Amino acid sequence: MKKALVIEDNENNMKLICFILEKHGYSTIRAENGAKGIELALRERPDFILLDIKLPDMDGLEVLRRIRESEINGEIPIIAITSYAMVGDRERMIKAGCNGYIEKPIDPERVIQQIKEIIGE
């Protein structure tokens, strides 16, 4: 079973995303802020990470940068997931090191399809 780390500060979004992942056979690890997300990424070595861009303690770009600068740099696909979709955001996140970009609100069936495409399933 593949393990996903979900870094998301909104409790409702966290529940929805984890429910969708678990329904499709993934186990989930939850982090409600960037610092905890970085810690869990390094300790747990998930198969992929879903990363909210707007977090309470640091923005997703900083979380992404710290994970990419760590010893697990390219090993883990990181997918940005955000409701703050502005023109150029997708390109900026991909250029910064994300493997994919998903806009909220999410469609449960579409998000699983997107995740599988990005992580190569």
Protein backbone atom coordinates (compact mmCIF):
# COMPACT_ATOMS: atom_id res chain seq x y z
CA MET A 1 0.00 0.00 0.00
CA LYS A 2 1.43 3.38 -1.00
CA LYS A 3 1.74 6.01 1.70
CA ALA A 4 0.77 9.64 1.14
CA LEU A 5 1.74 12.61 3.29
CA VAL A 6 -0.96 15.29 3.21
CA ILE A 7 0.21 18.74 4.33
CA GLU A 8 -2.98 20.76 4.72
CA ASP A 9 -4.09 23.24 7.40
CA ASN A 10 -7.83 23.25 6.66
CA GLU A 11 -9.44 20.45 8.67
CA ASN A 12 -12.28 19.90 6.19
CA ASN A 13 -9.93 19.72 3.23
CA MET A 14 -7.66 17.34 5.18
CA LYS A 15 -10.57 15.01 5.94
CA LEU A 16 -11.80 15.05 2.35
CA ILE A 17 -8.37 14.46 0.79
CA CYS A 18 -7.49 11.66 3.23
CA PHE A 19 -10.92 10.06 2.78
CA ILE A 20 -10.48 10.02 -1.01
CA LEU A 21 -6.94 8.62 -0.78
CA GLU A 22 -7.88 5.93 1.76
CA LYS A 23 -10.95 4.96 -0.29
CA HIS A 24 -8.59 4.29 -3.20
CA GLY A 25 -6.18 2.15 -1.20
CA TYR A 26 -3.56 4.65 -0.01
CA SER A 27 -2.51 5.05 3.61
CA THR A 28 -2.21 8.63 4.82
CA ILE A 29 -0.04 10.64 7.18
CA ARG A 30 -1.34 14.07 8.18
CA ALA A 31 0.47 17.33 8.85
CA GLU A 32 -1.43 20.52 9.64
CA ASN A 33 1.50 22.87 9.01
CA GLY A 34 4.71 23.14 7.06
CA ALA A 35 7.15 22.37 9.88
CA LYS A 36 5.37 19.14 10.78
CA GLY A 37 5.12 18.27 7.09
CA ILE A 38 8.87 18.60 6.62
CA GLU A 39 9.53 16.55 9.75
CA LEU A 40 7.17 13.76 8.65
CA ALA A 41 8.52 13.77 5.08
CA LEU A 42 12.04 13.18 6.36
CA ARG A 43 11.06 10.63 9.01
CA GLU A 44 8.31 8.66 7.25
CA ARG A 45 9.57 8.78 3.63
CA PRO A 46 6.08 8.70 2.06
CA ASP A 47 5.58 7.55 -1.53
CA PHE A 48 4.23 10.99 -2.43
CA ILE A 49 3.26 14.30 -0.84
CA LEU A 50 0.19 16.49 -1.36
CA LEU A 51 1.24 19.99 -0.36
CA ASP A 52 -1.11 22.90 0.29
CA ILE A 53 0.50 26.17 -0.75
CA LYS A 54 -1.01 28.45 1.89
CA LEU A 55 -0.04 27.15 5.33
CA PRO A 56 -0.11 28.95 8.70
CA ASP A 57 3.60 28.79 9.54
CA MET A 58 5.30 29.00 6.14
CA ASP A 59 4.19 28.91 2.55
CA GLY A 60 4.27 25.77 0.46
CA LEU A 61 7.19 27.02 -1.61
CA GLU A 62 9.34 27.10 1.54
CA VAL A 63 8.20 23.60 2.53
CA LEU A 64 8.99 22.41 -0.99
CA ARG A 65 12.42 24.08 -0.94
CA ARG A 66 13.37 22.52 2.41
CA ILE A 67 12.30 19.03 1.33
CA ARG A 68 14.09 19.37 -2.01
CA GLU A 69 17.27 20.53 -0.24
CA SER A 70 17.19 17.52 2.12
CA GLU A 71 18.61 14.05 1.60
CA ILE A 72 15.28 12.91 0.08
CA ASN A 73 15.42 15.58 -2.63
CA GLY A 74 14.18 13.83 -5.75
CA GLU A 75 12.95 10.59 -4.24
CA ILE A 76 9.42 11.72 -3.40
CA PRO A 77 6.93 13.21 -5.86
CA ILE A 78 5.41 16.39 -4.46
CA ILE A 79 2.06 17.61 -5.75
CA ALA A 80 0.94 21.16 -4.98
CA ILE A 81 -2.75 21.38 -4.13
CA THR A 82 -4.22 24.85 -3.73
CA SER A 83 -7.27 27.07 -3.97
CA TYR A 84 -5.07 30.09 -4.68
CA ALA A 85 -4.73 29.40 -8.37
CA MET A 86 -3.46 32.52 -10.10
CA VAL A 87 -2.11 32.84 -13.61
CA GLY A 88 1.42 31.47 -13.62
CA ASP A 89 1.13 29.61 -10.28
CA ARG A 90 1.22 26.16 -11.88
CA GLU A 91 4.37 26.99 -13.84
CA ARG A 92 5.99 28.60 -10.79
CA MET A 93 5.35 25.54 -8.61
CA ILE A 94 6.56 23.09 -11.27
CA LYS A 95 9.69 25.20 -11.84
CA ALA A 96 10.30 25.27 -8.06
CA GLY A 97 10.30 21.45 -7.92
CA CYS A 98 6.73 20.17 -7.73
CA ASN A 99 5.89 17.14 -9.84
CA GLY A 100 2.29 18.25 -10.29
CA TYR A 101 -0.31 20.87 -9.46
CA ILE A 102 -3.97 20.35 -8.53
CA GLU A 103 -6.48 23.16 -8.05
CA LYS A 104 -9.16 23.20 -5.34
CA PRO A 105 -12.00 22.63 -5.04
CA ILE A 106 -11.12 19.07 -5.91
CA ASP A 107 -13.27 16.60 -7.77
CA PRO A 108 -12.82 13.25 -5.94
CA GLU A 109 -12.59 11.08 -9.06
CA ARG A 110 -10.50 13.56 -11.02
CA VAL A 111 -8.01 14.10 -8.18
CA ILE A 112 -7.22 10.38 -7.95
CA GLN A 113 -6.72 10.25 -11.70
CA GLN A 114 -4.40 13.27 -11.51
CA ILE A 115 -2.41 11.79 -8.62
CA LYS A 116 -1.98 8.44 -10.42
CA GLU A 117 -0.77 10.22 -13.56
CA ILE A 118 1.75 12.28 -11.59
CA ILE A 119 3.15 9.40 -9.50
CA GLY A 120 3.18 7.01 -12.46
CA GLU A 121 0.47 4.49 -11.58
